Protein backbone atom coordinates (compact mmCIF):
# COMPACT_ATOMS: atom_id res chain seq x y z
CA MET A 1 -52.95 167.07 38.38
CA THR A 2 -50.82 170.00 37.37
CA MET A 3 -49.39 172.06 40.20
CA GLN A 4 -47.90 175.57 40.25
CA ARG A 5 -44.18 175.32 41.02
CA ARG A 6 -41.58 177.94 41.96
CA LEU A 7 -37.88 177.41 41.57
CA ILE A 8 -35.19 179.71 42.95
CA LEU A 9 -31.93 179.10 41.15
CA MET A 10 -29.26 180.80 43.21
CA ARG A 11 -25.60 181.06 42.45
CA HIS A 12 -23.40 180.85 45.54
CA ALA A 13 -22.26 184.12 47.14
CA LYS A 14 -18.83 185.66 46.38
CA SER A 15 -16.04 183.23 47.06
CA SER A 16 -12.29 183.66 47.51
CA TRP A 17 -9.83 182.60 44.82
CA ASP A 18 -6.82 183.16 47.08
CA ALA A 19 -7.97 181.41 50.24
CA GLY A 20 -5.04 178.97 50.29
CA VAL A 21 -7.21 175.90 49.84
CA ASP A 22 -6.12 172.94 47.76
CA SER A 23 -9.21 172.62 45.53
CA ASP A 24 -11.95 174.64 43.89
CA HIS A 25 -14.48 172.57 45.84
CA ALA A 26 -13.06 173.90 49.13
CA ARG A 27 -13.08 177.63 48.35
CA PRO A 28 -14.79 179.65 51.13
CA LEU A 29 -16.82 182.84 50.93
CA THR A 30 -15.29 186.27 51.10
CA PRO A 31 -16.54 188.86 53.64
CA ARG A 32 -18.75 190.30 50.89
CA GLY A 33 -20.18 186.83 50.24
CA ARG A 34 -20.94 186.40 53.94
CA ARG A 35 -22.86 189.74 53.85
CA ASP A 36 -24.69 189.03 50.57
CA ALA A 37 -26.09 185.58 51.54
CA PRO A 38 -28.36 186.76 54.40
CA ALA A 39 -29.27 189.92 52.43
CA MET A 40 -30.57 187.75 49.56
CA ALA A 41 -32.52 185.61 52.04
CA GLN A 42 -34.12 188.82 53.41
CA GLU A 43 -35.11 189.75 49.83
CA LEU A 44 -36.70 186.35 49.29
CA VAL A 45 -38.66 186.65 52.57
CA ALA A 46 -39.86 190.15 51.59
CA LEU A 47 -41.03 188.84 48.23
CA GLU A 48 -42.70 185.79 49.91
CA TRP A 49 -40.44 183.35 48.04
CA VAL A 50 -39.49 181.28 51.08
CA PRO A 51 -38.46 177.78 50.00
CA ASP A 52 -40.09 174.58 51.23
CA GLN A 53 -36.78 172.77 50.62
CA VAL A 54 -33.21 173.60 49.69
CA ILE A 55 -31.16 171.47 47.32
CA SER A 56 -27.49 172.45 47.09
CA SER A 57 -24.15 171.57 45.67
CA ASP A 58 -21.90 170.21 48.42
CA ALA A 59 -19.08 172.73 47.77
CA GLN A 60 -17.77 174.81 50.68
CA ARG A 61 -19.04 178.07 49.16
CA THR A 62 -22.61 176.78 48.66
CA ARG A 63 -22.62 175.37 52.21
CA GLU A 64 -21.49 178.76 53.58
CA THR A 65 -24.08 180.56 51.43
CA TRP A 66 -26.82 178.41 52.96
CA ALA A 67 -25.37 178.88 56.47
CA GLY A 68 -25.79 182.64 56.02
CA MET A 69 -29.33 182.35 54.70
CA GLU A 70 -30.79 179.73 57.01
CA PRO A 71 -31.20 181.93 60.14
CA VAL A 72 -33.14 184.52 58.05
CA PHE A 73 -35.65 181.83 57.09
CA GLY A 74 -36.02 180.79 60.72
CA GLY A 75 -34.07 177.51 60.61
CA ASP A 76 -37.09 175.34 59.68
CA ILE A 77 -36.07 174.44 56.14
CA ASP A 78 -34.34 171.19 55.30
CA VAL A 79 -31.34 171.20 53.04
CA THR A 80 -29.89 168.38 51.01
CA PHE A 81 -26.22 168.76 49.83
CA GLN A 82 -25.55 166.79 46.68
CA ARG A 83 -22.16 166.22 45.04
CA GLU A 84 -24.01 165.80 41.73
CA LEU A 85 -24.94 169.52 41.75
CA TYR A 86 -21.30 170.68 42.00
CA HIS A 87 -20.71 172.60 38.73
CA ALA A 88 -23.88 171.07 37.32
CA GLY A 89 -26.64 172.33 35.07
CA LEU A 90 -30.23 171.53 34.10
CA PRO A 91 -29.69 167.77 33.47
CA ALA A 92 -28.36 167.27 37.00
CA LEU A 93 -31.17 169.38 38.44
CA GLN A 94 -33.71 167.23 36.55
CA ALA A 95 -32.08 164.07 37.87
CA SER A 96 -32.09 165.42 41.42
CA SER A 97 -35.81 166.28 41.07
CA LEU A 98 -36.67 162.58 40.94
CA GLY A 99 -36.22 162.57 44.75
CA TRP A 100 -38.14 165.78 45.43
CA SER A 101 -41.50 165.72 47.19
CA GLU A 102 -44.40 166.68 45.04
CA ASP A 103 -45.72 168.65 48.03
CA TRP A 104 -42.90 171.20 47.74
CA GLY A 105 -44.23 174.31 46.05
CA THR A 106 -40.97 176.28 46.17
CA VAL A 107 -37.44 174.87 45.93
CA LEU A 108 -34.21 176.80 46.35
CA ALA A 109 -31.37 175.23 44.33
CA LEU A 110 -27.93 176.54 45.28
CA GLY A 111 -25.21 175.99 42.71
CA HIS A 112 -22.62 177.38 40.34
CA ASN A 113 -22.01 178.90 36.95
CA PRO A 114 -22.04 178.40 34.07
CA GLY A 115 -24.63 175.69 34.88
CA TRP A 116 -27.16 177.80 36.72
CA SER A 117 -27.18 180.62 34.15
CA ASP A 118 -27.63 178.01 31.45
CA ALA A 119 -30.40 176.20 33.40
CA ALA A 120 -32.31 179.45 34.06
CA GLY A 121 -31.96 180.48 30.44
CA ARG A 122 -33.11 177.13 29.09
CA LEU A 123 -36.11 176.98 31.42
CA ALA A 124 -37.21 180.56 30.74
CA SER A 125 -36.12 180.69 27.06
CA THR A 126 -34.14 183.86 27.66
CA LEU A 127 -30.58 184.88 28.42
CA VAL A 128 -30.01 184.92 32.19
CA GLU A 129 -26.62 186.24 33.40
CA MET A 130 -26.10 185.20 37.01
CA THR A 131 -23.24 186.70 38.94
CA THR A 132 -22.52 185.69 42.53
CA ALA A 133 -25.49 185.58 44.92
CA ASN A 134 -27.99 186.20 42.15
CA CYS A 135 -31.36 184.52 42.43
CA ALA A 136 -33.42 183.66 39.34
CA LEU A 137 -37.07 183.36 40.47
CA LEU A 138 -38.84 181.01 38.09
CA GLU A 139 -42.51 179.94 37.90
CA GLY A 140 -43.69 176.81 36.12
CA GLU A 141 -46.20 174.02 36.20
CA GLY A 142 -46.14 170.27 36.27
CA ALA A 143 -47.69 167.24 37.90
CA THR A 144 -44.21 166.29 39.08
CA TRP A 145 -41.06 168.35 39.52
CA LEU A 146 -39.40 166.42 36.71
CA GLU A 147 -42.31 167.20 34.39
CA ALA A 148 -42.12 170.84 35.35
CA LEU A 149 -38.34 170.96 34.81
CA GLN A 150 -38.85 169.64 31.28
CA GLY A 151 -41.37 172.38 30.44
CA SER A 152 -41.43 176.14 29.98
CA TRP A 153 -40.97 178.51 32.90
CA ARG A 154 -41.49 182.23 33.39
CA LEU A 155 -38.66 184.32 34.78
CA ALA A 156 -40.54 186.23 37.49
CA ASP A 157 -37.51 188.17 38.70
CA LEU A 158 -33.74 188.18 38.90
CA LEU A 159 -32.44 189.37 42.25
CA ARG A 160 -28.94 190.80 42.57
CA PRO A 161 -27.31 191.82 45.84
CA ARG A 162 -26.26 195.21 44.44
CA ASP A 163 -29.68 196.18 43.01
CA PRO A 164 -31.71 198.14 45.53
CA ARG A 165 -35.40 197.37 45.72
């Protein structure tokens, strides 16, 4: 049975290049990033795009992005941090989806560029430029998440922290 699915591809919030950490994986958010993360969660709530589950890269900046968003959603959403989603794209998202519950109607996937811009563009068959904290809201169908992620999606919206609604 085909099911309506919604995917929020979100690029992590603004991170610091000069934080004094020894790896890209460990870069933290900037003050702007810490402001943008909860603001984007508020936008998602206002649009009724609250995720059933969050799947995220395990990088410090994606962890901090989720930490800023979680309280806005009420703290009832599970998150899974996956090393495989660090600097990943659509193939890694498809592989991750093999473990996703078919009951989840909306999934928020937190990740990085260029992988997330490419994934959104390939799913929606259009150019999607995602700067930090952008959320591509995608709608698709499939009996399973993997089936859906191999099909065509509609780009319902692209949320940007600096675009007033």
